[in-house]
Amino acid sequence: MSDTRLVAEVSSNHHGDLERCLRFVDVASECGASAVKFQQFKIDKLFAPEALERNAKLRERRSWELPEPFNRELATRARERGIEFASTPFYLEAVSLLEPWVDFFKIASYQLLWHGLLREVASAARPVVLATGMADLDEVRRAVDVLGDAGCTELTLLHCVSLYPTPAAEANLAAIDTLRRTLGVSVGWSDHTVDEDVVVRAVRRFDACMVELHLDLDGRGEEFGAGHCWLPGDVQALVARLDGHEVLADTHPADGDGRKAPRPAEAHERAWRSDPSDGLRPLRSVRLELEGGAVA
């Protein structure tokens, strides 16, 4: 894979079980990943009370939370396996909780507007990876400026599309070039397509410096059914292909137009980003609709 870093994203596929979490670390290493990443969230600090009251499925996600004490053991196992350990903090206090253990922080697309979190992460003096799904170029530029002003000196952006799964034709891989050229930072691809051709093209044609894949062990993870997670055998096949020297076609439907702008199908998800005022999802304008009786 040359210099491309492969990050295995566990998401909420861990069942809150430490042994399963440790197995994810082992499998990520066996698959050739350079890092394994978890998520640190608390549902009551992620969604606004109005949203939780109206949506039972959101409340059920409390069982998806990663127990905070797991981080020490996961970081230790990752280092034993020779890979990096990373995590995504979804609440401010999670940054200091994770700081002793992570090799880098990841900020999710949904949190890109929450500059308070960006500043907190930047102040931790770790490399930062920022996903840019749903965002337009100006939103990304502002986030990059906030991180830089707050002390971030090593930043990687991940172009992605916040559809789960993402059709290959919606990938718009050329936006990787747009972000790199416009903002002058390293840029990779966070995959939701589960399509080898798309990932190979992101790396070989658009020089993605990092590829993030959502990993599941066995098809039994909470998020596997949505269709955006890779199984270990599929990751190994992808890595073998990336280690090859195939010649790519000049064009592909996944290339897109290169404009860094939300895809039409992301409109609903954009409204469910964290509000800059308090970091809770969805945006305050949507919360007003919920209070008025609209269904979440």
C-alpha atoms as a PDB file:
ATOM      1  CA  MET A   1       0.000   0.000   0.000  1.00  0.00           C
ATOM      2  CA  SER A   2       3.059   2.239  -0.306  1.00  0.00           C
ATOM      3  CA  ASP A   3       2.661   5.137   2.145  1.00  0.00           C
ATOM      4  CA  THR A   4      -1.121   4.916   2.513  1.00  0.00           C
ATOM      5  CA  ARG A   5      -2.204   4.301   6.102  1.00  0.00           C
ATOM      6  CA  LEU A   6      -5.117   1.918   6.596  1.00  0.00           C
ATOM      7  CA  VAL A   7      -7.331   2.607   9.619  1.00  0.00           C
ATOM      8  CA  ALA A   8      -9.759  -0.058  10.825  1.00  0.00           C
ATOM      9  CA  GLU A   9     -12.794   1.718  12.300  1.00  0.00           C
ATOM     10  CA  VAL A  10     -14.633  -0.429  14.856  1.00  0.00           C
ATOM     11  CA  SER A  11     -17.589   1.960  15.203  1.00  0.00           C
ATOM     12  CA  SER A  12     -20.296   0.390  17.372  1.00  0.00           C
ATOM     13  CA  ASN A  13     -19.645  -3.204  16.338  1.00  0.00           C
ATOM     14  CA  HIS A  14     -17.956  -4.126  19.643  1.00  0.00           C
ATOM     15  CA  HIS A  15     -21.060  -5.073  21.722  1.00  0.00           C
ATOM     16  CA  GLY A  16     -19.482  -3.422  24.766  1.00  0.00           C
ATOM     17  CA  ASP A  17     -17.497  -6.626  25.277  1.00  0.00           C
ATOM     18  CA  LEU A  18     -13.798  -6.277  26.097  1.00  0.00           C
ATOM     19  CA  GLU A  19     -12.747  -9.593  24.589  1.00  0.00           C
ATOM     20  CA  ARG A  20     -14.515  -8.725  21.342  1.00  0.00           C
ATOM     21  CA  CYS A  21     -12.840  -5.301  21.384  1.00  0.00           C
ATOM     22  CA  LEU A  22      -9.421  -6.890  21.819  1.00  0.00           C
ATOM     23  CA  ARG A  23     -10.197  -9.268  18.976  1.00  0.00           C
ATOM     24  CA  PHE A  24     -10.870  -6.250  16.769  1.00  0.00           C
ATOM     25  CA  VAL A  25      -7.362  -4.995  17.550  1.00  0.00           C
ATOM     26  CA  ASP A  26      -5.862  -8.374  16.685  1.00  0.00           C
ATOM     27  CA  VAL A  27      -7.824  -8.688  13.445  1.00  0.00           C
ATOM     28  CA  ALA A  28      -6.989  -5.132  12.381  1.00  0.00           C
ATOM     29  CA  SER A  29      -3.315  -5.985  12.730  1.00  0.00           C
ATOM     30  CA  GLU A  30      -3.716  -9.307  10.908  1.00  0.00           C
ATOM     31  CA  CYS A  31      -5.485  -7.545   8.031  1.00  0.00           C
ATOM     32  CA  GLY A  32      -2.601  -5.132   7.512  1.00  0.00           C
ATOM     33  CA  ALA A  33      -4.102  -2.037   9.121  1.00  0.00           C
ATOM     34  CA  SER A  34      -1.714   0.541  10.521  1.00  0.00           C
ATOM     35  CA  ALA A  35      -4.235   1.691  13.135  1.00  0.00           C
ATOM     36  CA  VAL A  36      -7.429   0.605  14.865  1.00  0.00           C
ATOM     37  CA  LYS A  37      -9.982   3.200  15.888  1.00  0.00           C
ATOM     38  CA  PHE A  38     -12.813   3.214  18.382  1.00  0.00           C
ATOM     39  CA  GLN A  39     -15.434   5.831  19.292  1.00  0.00           C
ATOM     40  CA  GLN A  40     -15.992   7.416  22.696  1.00  0.00           C
ATOM     41  CA  PHE A  41     -19.519   8.717  23.066  1.00  0.00           C
ATOM     42  CA  LYS A  42     -22.327   8.928  25.575  1.00  0.00           C
ATOM     43  CA  ILE A  43     -25.773   9.072  24.047  1.00  0.00           C
ATOM     44  CA  ASP A  44     -26.980  11.645  26.582  1.00  0.00           C
ATOM     45  CA  LYS A  45     -24.075  13.916  25.597  1.00  0.00           C
ATOM     46  CA  LEU A  46     -24.480  13.259  21.885  1.00  0.00           C
ATOM     47  CA  PHE A  47     -28.169  13.908  21.216  1.00  0.00           C
ATOM     48  CA  ALA A  48     -30.357  16.722  22.485  1.00  0.00           C
ATOM     49  CA  PRO A  49     -33.077  15.761  24.999  1.00  0.00           C
ATOM     50  CA  GLU A  50     -35.766  16.634  22.451  1.00  0.00           C
ATOM     51  CA  ALA A  51     -34.328  14.094  20.014  1.00  0.00           C
ATOM     52  CA  LEU A  52     -33.972  11.359  22.615  1.00  0.00           C
ATOM     53  CA  GLU A  53     -37.507  11.898  23.846  1.00  0.00           C
ATOM     54  CA  ARG A  54     -38.919  11.561  20.358  1.00  0.00           C
ATOM     55  CA  ASN A  55     -36.794   8.677  19.071  1.00  0.00           C
ATOM     56  CA  ALA A  56     -36.620   5.362  20.924  1.00  0.00           C
ATOM     57  CA  LYS A  57     -33.985   4.021  18.517  1.00  0.00           C
ATOM     58  CA  LEU A  58     -31.591   6.740  19.618  1.00  0.00           C
ATOM     59  CA  ARG A  59     -32.142   5.829  23.265  1.00  0.00           C
ATOM     60  CA  GLU A  60     -31.397   2.187  22.468  1.00  0.00           C
ATOM     61  CA  ARG A  61     -27.930   3.213  21.309  1.00  0.00           C
ATOM     62  CA  ARG A  62     -26.849   3.589  24.931  1.00  0.00           C
ATOM     63  CA  SER A  63     -25.886  -0.088  24.621  1.00  0.00           C
ATOM     64  CA  TRP A  64     -23.449   0.927  21.859  1.00  0.00           C
ATOM     65  CA  GLU A  65     -21.285   3.015  24.185  1.00  0.00           C
ATOM     66  CA  LEU A  66     -17.695   1.900  24.702  1.00  0.00           C
ATOM     67  CA  PRO A  67     -16.913   1.567  28.440  1.00  0.00           C
ATOM     68  CA  GLU A  68     -14.320   4.204  29.273  1.00  0.00           C
ATOM     69  CA  PRO A  69     -11.974   1.841  31.184  1.00  0.00           C
ATOM     70  CA  PHE A  70     -11.457  -0.262  28.027  1.00  0.00           C
ATOM     71  CA  ASN A  71      -9.154   2.344  26.461  1.00  0.00           C
ATOM     72  CA  ARG A  72      -6.088   1.424  28.518  1.00  0.00           C
ATOM     73  CA  GLU A  73      -6.281  -2.249  27.546  1.00  0.00           C
ATOM     74  CA  LEU A  74      -7.069  -1.505  23.916  1.00  0.00           C
ATOM     75  CA  ALA A  75      -4.141   0.874  23.595  1.00  0.00           C
ATOM     76  CA  THR A  76      -1.842  -1.663  25.234  1.00  0.00           C
ATOM     77  CA  ARG A  77      -2.983  -4.443  22.895  1.00  0.00           C
ATOM     78  CA  ALA A  78      -2.564  -2.197  19.854  1.00  0.00           C
ATOM     79  CA  ARG A  79       1.030  -1.418  20.813  1.00  0.00           C
ATOM     80  CA  GLU A  80       1.718  -5.097  21.399  1.00  0.00           C
ATOM     81  CA  ARG A  81       0.399  -5.703  17.898  1.00  0.00           C
ATOM     82  CA  GLY A  82       2.522  -2.938  16.416  1.00  0.00           C
ATOM     83  CA  ILE A  83      -0.339  -0.717  15.284  1.00  0.00           C
ATOM     84  CA  GLU A  84      -1.624   2.676  16.388  1.00  0.00           C
ATOM     85  CA  PHE A  85      -4.616   3.194  18.636  1.00  0.00           C
ATOM     86  CA  ALA A  86      -7.015   6.046  17.867  1.00  0.00           C
ATOM     87  CA  SER A  87     -10.428   7.188  18.975  1.00  0.00           C
ATOM     88  CA  THR A  88     -13.130   9.702  18.172  1.00  0.00           C
ATOM     89  CA  PRO A  89     -14.229  11.843  21.136  1.00  0.00           C
ATOM     90  CA  PHE A  90     -17.873  12.905  20.915  1.00  0.00           C
ATOM     91  CA  TYR A  91     -17.970  14.943  24.132  1.00  0.00           C
ATOM     92  CA  LEU A  92     -15.479  17.413  25.545  1.00  0.00           C
ATOM     93  CA  GLU A  93     -14.438  15.378  28.574  1.00  0.00           C
ATOM     94  CA  ALA A  94     -13.567  12.447  26.325  1.00  0.00           C
ATOM     95  CA  VAL A  95     -10.548  14.325  24.997  1.00  0.00           C
ATOM     96  CA  SER A  96      -8.655  14.307  28.294  1.00  0.00           C
ATOM     97  CA  LEU A  97      -9.880  10.762  28.958  1.00  0.00           C
ATOM     98  CA  LEU A  98      -8.367   9.542  25.687  1.00  0.00           C
ATOM     99  CA  GLU A  99      -5.256  11.703  25.559  1.00  0.00           C
ATOM    100  CA  PRO A 100      -2.992   9.313  27.533  1.00  0.00           C
ATOM    101  CA  TRP A 101      -3.819   6.425  25.206  1.00  0.00           C
ATOM    102  CA  VAL A 102      -4.370   7.592  21.636  1.00  0.00           C
ATOM    103  CA  ASP A 103      -1.737   8.021  18.940  1.00  0.00           C
ATOM    104  CA  PHE A 104      -4.111  10.351  17.108  1.00  0.00           C
ATOM    105  CA  PHE A 105      -7.607  11.761  17.420  1.00  0.00           C
ATOM    106  CA  LYS A 106     -10.311  11.446  14.805  1.00  0.00           C
ATOM    107  CA  ILE A 107     -13.100  14.030  14.580  1.00  0.00           C
ATOM    108  CA  ALA A 108     -16.291  12.786  12.941  1.00  0.00           C
ATOM    109  CA  SER A 109     -18.068  14.585  10.115  1.00  0.00           C
ATOM    110  CA  TYR A 110     -21.044  15.159  12.392  1.00  0.00           C
ATOM    111  CA  GLN A 111     -18.862  17.194  14.762  1.00  0.00           C
ATOM    112  CA  LEU A 112     -17.168  19.399  12.145  1.00  0.00           C
ATOM    113  CA  LEU A 113     -19.249  22.486  12.980  1.00  0.00           C
ATOM    114  CA  TRP A 114     -18.578  22.195  16.723  1.00  0.00           C
ATOM    115  CA  HIS A 115     -15.509  24.396  16.989  1.00  0.00           C
ATOM    116  CA  GLY A 116     -15.402  23.995  20.760  1.00  0.00           C
ATOM    117  CA  LEU A 117     -14.600  20.307  20.321  1.00  0.00           C
ATOM    118  CA  LEU A 118     -12.077  21.071  17.571  1.00  0.00           C
ATOM    119  CA  ARG A 119     -10.224  23.443  19.887  1.00  0.00           C
ATOM    120  CA  GLU A 120     -10.256  20.912  22.724  1.00  0.00           C
ATOM    121  CA  VAL A 121      -8.815  18.206  20.474  1.00  0.00           C
ATOM    122  CA  ALA A 122      -6.187  20.532  18.991  1.00  0.00           C
ATOM    123  CA  SER A 123      -5.008  21.512  22.473  1.00  0.00           C
ATOM    124  CA  ALA A 124      -4.190  17.875  23.273  1.00  0.00           C
ATOM    125  CA  ALA A 125      -1.069  18.021  21.076  1.00  0.00           C
ATOM    126  CA  ARG A 126      -1.807  14.848  19.099  1.00  0.00           C
ATOM    127  CA  PRO A 127      -2.173  14.426  15.336  1.00  0.00           C
ATOM    128  CA  VAL A 128      -5.755  15.033  14.205  1.00  0.00           C
ATOM    129  CA  VAL A 129      -7.800  13.354  11.487  1.00  0.00           C
ATOM    130  CA  LEU A 130     -10.933  15.261  10.457  1.00  0.00           C
ATOM    131  CA  ALA A 131     -13.707  13.689   8.375  1.00  0.00           C
ATOM    132  CA  THR A 132     -15.476  16.069   6.017  1.00  0.00           C
ATOM    133  CA  GLY A 133     -18.666  14.287   4.987  1.00  0.00           C
ATOM    134  CA  MET A 134     -21.691  16.538   4.349  1.00  0.00           C
ATOM    135  CA  ALA A 135     -19.528  19.669   4.562  1.00  0.00           C
ATOM    136  CA  ASP A 136     -18.961  22.311   1.920  1.00  0.00           C
ATOM    137  CA  LEU A 137     -15.536  23.754   1.217  1.00  0.00           C
ATOM    138  CA  ASP A 138     -16.051  26.863   3.351  1.00  0.00           C
ATOM    139  CA  GLU A 139     -17.084  24.766   6.360  1.00  0.00           C
ATOM    140  CA  VAL A 140     -13.987  22.618   5.959  1.00  0.00           C
ATOM    141  CA  ARG A 141     -11.758  25.685   5.577  1.00  0.00           C
ATOM    142  CA  ARG A 142     -13.118  27.201   8.785  1.00  0.00           C
ATOM    143  CA  ALA A 143     -12.581  23.946  10.665  1.00  0.00           C
ATOM    144  CA  VAL A 144      -8.990  23.731   9.416  1.00  0.00           C
ATOM    145  CA  ASP A 145      -8.367  27.318  10.530  1.00  0.00           C
ATOM    146  CA  VAL A 146      -9.860  26.647  13.982  1.00  0.00           C
ATOM    147  CA  LEU A 147      -7.669  23.580  14.469  1.00  0.00           C
ATOM    148  CA  GLY A 148      -4.560  25.420  13.342  1.00  0.00           C
ATOM    149  CA  ASP A 149      -5.231  28.427  15.539  1.00  0.00           C
ATOM    150  CA  ALA A 150      -5.746  26.110  18.525  1.00  0.00           C
ATOM    151  CA  GLY A 151      -2.394  24.410  18.090  1.00  0.00           C
ATOM    152  CA  CYS A 152      -2.914  21.486  15.707  1.00  0.00           C
ATOM    153  CA  THR A 153       0.303  20.971  13.740  1.00  0.00           C
ATOM    154  CA  GLU A 154      -0.405  17.597  12.097  1.00  0.00           C
ATOM    155  CA  LEU A 155      -3.747  17.376  10.294  1.00  0.00           C
ATOM    156  CA  THR A 156      -5.209  14.885   7.855  1.00  0.00           C
ATOM    157  CA  LEU A 157      -8.572  15.458   6.199  1.00  0.00           C
ATOM    158  CA  LEU A 158     -10.729  12.551   5.086  1.00  0.00           C
ATOM    159  CA  HIS A 159     -13.076  13.102   2.189  1.00  0.00           C
ATOM    160  CA  CYS A 160     -16.177  10.983   2.567  1.00  0.00           C
ATOM    161  CA  VAL A 161     -19.877  10.880   1.816  1.00  0.00           C
ATOM    162  CA  SER A 162     -22.191  10.445   4.799  1.00  0.00           C
ATOM    163  CA  LEU A 163     -24.459   7.833   3.282  1.00  0.00           C
ATOM    164  CA  TYR A 164     -24.478   4.354   4.788  1.00  0.00           C
ATOM    165  CA  PRO A 165     -23.701   2.709   2.427  1.00  0.00           C
ATOM    166  CA  THR A 166     -22.508   5.137  -0.255  1.00  0.00           C
ATOM    167  CA  PRO A 167     -23.162   4.164  -3.892  1.00  0.00           C
ATOM    168  CA  ALA A 168     -19.905   4.214  -5.862  1.00  0.00           C
ATOM    169  CA  ALA A 169     -21.284   6.849  -8.223  1.00  0.00           C
ATOM    170  CA  GLU A 170     -21.734   9.228  -5.250  1.00  0.00           C
ATOM    171  CA  ALA A 171     -18.140   8.929  -3.992  1.00  0.00           C
ATOM    172  CA  ASN A 172     -16.850  12.051  -5.805  1.00  0.00           C
ATOM    173  CA  LEU A 173     -13.247  10.963  -5.277  1.00  0.00           C
ATOM    174  CA  ALA A 174     -11.924  13.966  -7.188  1.00  0.00           C
ATOM    175  CA  ALA A 175     -12.787  16.056  -4.118  1.00  0.00           C
ATOM    176  CA  ILE A 176      -9.655  14.542  -2.557  1.00  0.00           C
ATOM    177  CA  ASP A 177      -7.611  16.565  -5.050  1.00  0.00           C
ATOM    178  CA  THR A 178      -9.750  19.649  -4.431  1.00  0.00           C
ATOM    179  CA  LEU A 179      -9.170  19.574  -0.680  1.00  0.00           C
ATOM    180  CA  ARG A 180      -5.445  18.927  -1.032  1.00  0.00           C
ATOM    181  CA  ARG A 181      -4.927  21.673  -3.621  1.00  0.00           C
ATOM    182  CA  THR A 182      -7.153  24.264  -1.930  1.00  0.00           C
ATOM    183  CA  LEU A 183      -6.181  23.767   1.714  1.00  0.00           C
ATOM    184  CA  GLY A 184      -2.646  22.453   1.407  1.00  0.00           C
ATOM    185  CA  VAL A 185      -3.076  19.529   3.800  1.00  0.00           C
ATOM    186  CA  SER A 186      -2.866  15.744   3.612  1.00  0.00           C
ATOM    187  CA  VAL A 187      -6.104  14.149   2.426  1.00  0.00           C
ATOM    188  CA  GLY A 188      -7.428  10.599   2.556  1.00  0.00           C
ATOM    189  CA  TRP A 189     -10.669   8.695   1.996  1.00  0.00           C
ATOM    190  CA  SER A 190     -13.139   7.374   4.580  1.00  0.00           C
ATOM    191  CA  ASP A 191     -14.983   4.581   2.839  1.00  0.00           C
ATOM    192  CA  HIS A 192     -18.680   3.798   3.103  1.00  0.00           C
ATOM    193  CA  THR A 193     -18.970   2.053  -0.279  1.00  0.00           C
ATOM    194  CA  VAL A 194     -17.444  -1.351   0.582  1.00  0.00           C
ATOM    195  CA  ASP A 195     -16.289  -1.355  -3.039  1.00  0.00           C
ATOM    196  CA  GLU A 196     -12.724  -2.441  -3.792  1.00  0.00           C
ATOM    197  CA  ASP A 197     -12.655  -0.483  -7.052  1.00  0.00           C
ATOM    198  CA  VAL A 198     -13.494   2.756  -5.245  1.00  0.00           C
ATOM    199  CA  VAL A 199     -10.833   2.324  -2.573  1.00  0.00           C
ATOM    200  CA  VAL A 200      -8.160   1.282  -5.064  1.00  0.00           C
ATOM    201  CA  ARG A 201      -8.960   4.335  -7.145  1.00  0.00           C
ATOM    202  CA  ALA A 202      -8.865   6.628  -4.112  1.00  0.00           C
ATOM    203  CA  VAL A 203      -5.331   5.425  -3.417  1.00  0.00           C
ATOM    204  CA  ARG A 204      -3.906   4.880  -6.895  1.00  0.00           C
ATOM    205  CA  ARG A 205      -5.593   7.669  -8.848  1.00  0.00           C
ATOM    206  CA  PHE A 206      -6.144  10.327  -6.178  1.00  0.00           C
ATOM    207  CA  ASP A 207      -3.206   9.574  -3.857  1.00  0.00           C
ATOM    208  CA  ALA A 208      -5.257   9.192  -0.673  1.00  0.00           C
ATOM    209  CA  CYS A 209      -2.721   9.212   2.162  1.00  0.00           C
ATOM    210  CA  MET A 210      -5.099   7.387   4.500  1.00  0.00           C
ATOM    211  CA  VAL A 211      -8.012   5.009   4.013  1.00  0.00           C
ATOM    212  CA  GLU A 212     -10.493   4.373   6.798  1.00  0.00           C
ATOM    213  CA  LEU A 213     -12.647   1.245   6.584  1.00  0.00           C
ATOM    214  CA  HIS A 214     -15.475   0.290   8.933  1.00  0.00           C
ATOM    215  CA  LEU A 215     -14.600  -3.206  10.158  1.00  0.00           C
ATOM    216  CA  ASP A 216     -16.771  -5.969  11.548  1.00  0.00           C
ATOM    217  CA  LEU A 217     -15.552  -9.360  12.712  1.00  0.00           C
ATOM    218  CA  ASP A 218     -18.395 -11.645  11.769  1.00  0.00           C
ATOM    219  CA  GLY A 219     -21.410  -9.814  10.382  1.00  0.00           C
ATOM    220  CA  ARG A 220     -22.913  -9.563  13.862  1.00  0.00           C
ATOM    221  CA  GLY A 221     -21.904  -6.009  14.726  1.00  0.00           C
ATOM    222  CA  GLU A 222     -24.588  -3.418  15.410  1.00  0.00           C
ATOM    223  CA  GLU A 223     -23.757  -1.479  12.249  1.00  0.00           C
ATOM    224  CA  PHE A 224     -23.047  -4.323   9.829  1.00  0.00           C
ATOM    225  CA  GLY A 225     -26.620  -4.556   8.593  1.00  0.00           C
ATOM    226  CA  ALA A 226     -26.511  -1.002   7.258  1.00  0.00           C
ATOM    227  CA  GLY A 227     -24.125  -2.173   4.549  1.00  0.00           C
ATOM    228  CA  HIS A 228     -21.031   0.010   5.034  1.00  0.00           C
ATOM    229  CA  CYS A 229     -18.787  -2.388   6.996  1.00  0.00           C
ATOM    230  CA  TRP A 230     -16.020  -4.642   5.692  1.00  0.00           C
ATOM    231  CA  LEU A 231     -15.330  -8.176   6.908  1.00  0.00           C
ATOM    232  CA  PRO A 232     -11.738  -9.316   7.580  1.00  0.00           C
ATOM    233  CA  GLY A 233     -11.412 -11.455   4.459  1.00  0.00           C
ATOM    234  CA  ASP A 234     -12.580  -8.580   2.280  1.00  0.00           C
ATOM    235  CA  VAL A 235     -10.035  -6.224   3.878  1.00  0.00           C
ATOM    236  CA  GLN A 236      -7.247  -8.732   3.276  1.00  0.00           C
ATOM    237  CA  ALA A 237      -8.270  -9.053  -0.382  1.00  0.00           C
ATOM    238  CA  LEU A 238      -8.272  -5.268  -0.724  1.00  0.00           C
ATOM    239  CA  VAL A 239      -4.816  -4.946   0.837  1.00  0.00           C
ATOM    240  CA  ALA A 240      -3.458  -7.591  -1.537  1.00  0.00           C
ATOM    241  CA  ARG A 241      -4.888  -5.684  -4.468  1.00  0.00           C
ATOM    242  CA  LEU A 242      -3.445  -2.389  -3.235  1.00  0.00           C
ATOM    243  CA  ASP A 243      -0.058  -4.072  -3.040  1.00  0.00           C
ATOM    244  CA  GLY A 244      -0.335  -4.918  -6.740  1.00  0.00           C
ATOM    245  CA  HIS A 245       0.386  -2.822  -9.802  1.00  0.00           C
ATOM    246  CA  GLU A 246      -2.830  -2.856 -11.803  1.00  0.00           C
ATOM    247  CA  VAL A 247      -3.400  -0.215 -14.425  1.00  0.00           C
ATOM    248  CA  LEU A 248      -6.512   1.883 -13.782  1.00  0.00           C
ATOM    249  CA  ALA A 249      -8.919   3.264 -16.350  1.00  0.00           C
ATOM    250  CA  ASP A 250      -8.638   6.970 -17.094  1.00  0.00           C
ATOM    251  CA  THR A 251     -12.101   7.645 -15.708  1.00  0.00           C
ATOM    252  CA  HIS A 252     -14.568   5.955 -13.376  1.00  0.00           C
ATOM    253  CA  PRO A 253     -18.089   6.850 -12.169  1.00  0.00           C
ATOM    254  CA  ALA A 254     -16.698   7.256  -8.637  1.00  0.00           C
ATOM    255  CA  ASP A 255     -14.474  10.158  -9.730  1.00  0.00           C
ATOM    256  CA  GLY A 256     -17.275  12.735  -9.647  1.00  0.00           C
ATOM    257  CA  ASP A 257     -16.963  16.420 -10.396  1.00  0.00           C
ATOM    258  CA  GLY A 258     -14.477  17.263  -7.643  1.00  0.00           C
ATOM    259  CA  ARG A 259     -16.614  19.976  -6.020  1.00  0.00           C
ATOM    260  CA  LYS A 260     -16.402  19.757  -2.245  1.00  0.00           C
ATOM    261  CA  ALA A 261     -20.093  20.194  -1.529  1.00  0.00           C
ATOM    262  CA  PRO A 262     -22.791  18.066   0.118  1.00  0.00           C
ATOM    263  CA  ARG A 263     -24.342  15.436  -2.093  1.00  0.00           C
ATOM    264  CA  PRO A 264     -28.127  15.861  -2.413  1.00  0.00           C
ATOM    265  CA  ALA A 265     -28.703  12.612  -0.541  1.00  0.00           C
ATOM    266  CA  GLU A 266     -26.765  13.970   2.463  1.00  0.00           C
ATOM    267  CA  ALA A 267     -29.267  16.784   3.105  1.00  0.00           C
ATOM    268  CA  HIS A 268     -31.022  14.978   5.948  1.00  0.00           C
ATOM    269  CA  GLU A 269     -27.770  14.015   7.655  1.00  0.00           C
ATOM    270  CA  ARG A 270     -26.481  17.618   7.448  1.00  0.00           C
ATOM    271  CA  ALA A 271     -29.358  18.695   9.662  1.00  0.00           C
ATOM    272  CA  TRP A 272     -28.324  16.075  12.227  1.00  0.00           C
ATOM    273  CA  ARG A 273     -24.841  17.453  12.760  1.00  0.00           C
ATOM    274  CA  SER A 274     -23.796  18.785  16.153  1.00  0.00           C
ATOM    275  CA  ASP A 275     -24.966  22.323  16.785  1.00  0.00           C
ATOM    276  CA  PRO A 276     -22.030  24.727  17.298  1.00  0.00           C
ATOM    277  CA  SER A 277     -23.666  26.190  20.411  1.00  0.00           C
ATOM    278  CA  ASP A 278     -23.670  23.067  22.585  1.00  0.00           C
ATOM    279  CA  GLY A 279     -22.316  20.164  20.520  1.00  0.00           C
ATOM    280  CA  LEU A 280     -25.582  18.242  20.644  1.00  0.00           C
ATOM    281  CA  ARG A 281     -27.337  16.725  17.649  1.00  0.00           C
ATOM    282  CA  PRO A 282     -29.361  17.720  15.704  1.00  0.00           C
ATOM    283  CA  LEU A 283     -29.022  21.407  14.840  1.00  0.00           C
ATOM    284  CA  ARG A 284     -31.174  23.748  16.930  1.00  0.00           C
ATOM    285  CA  SER A 285     -33.428  24.499  13.967  1.00  0.00           C
ATOM    286  CA  VAL A 286     -34.360  20.821  13.790  1.00  0.00           C
ATOM    287  CA  ARG A 287     -34.902  20.663  17.543  1.00  0.00           C
ATOM    288  CA  LEU A 288     -37.513  23.400  17.197  1.00  0.00           C
ATOM    289  CA  GLU A 289     -39.308  21.242  14.665  1.00  0.00           C
ATOM    290  CA  LEU A 290     -39.163  18.301  17.089  1.00  0.00           C
ATOM    291  CA  GLU A 291     -40.686  20.433  19.825  1.00  0.00           C
ATOM    292  CA  GLY A 292     -43.443  21.313  17.388  1.00  0.00           C
ATOM    293  CA  GLY A 293     -44.318  17.662  16.957  1.00  0.00           C
ATOM    294  CA  ALA A 294     -42.352  16.559  13.899  1.00  0.00           C
ATOM    295  CA  VAL A 295     -41.108  12.987  13.995  1.00  0.00           C
ATOM    296  CA  ALA A 296     -37.320  12.544  14.250  1.00  0.00           C
END
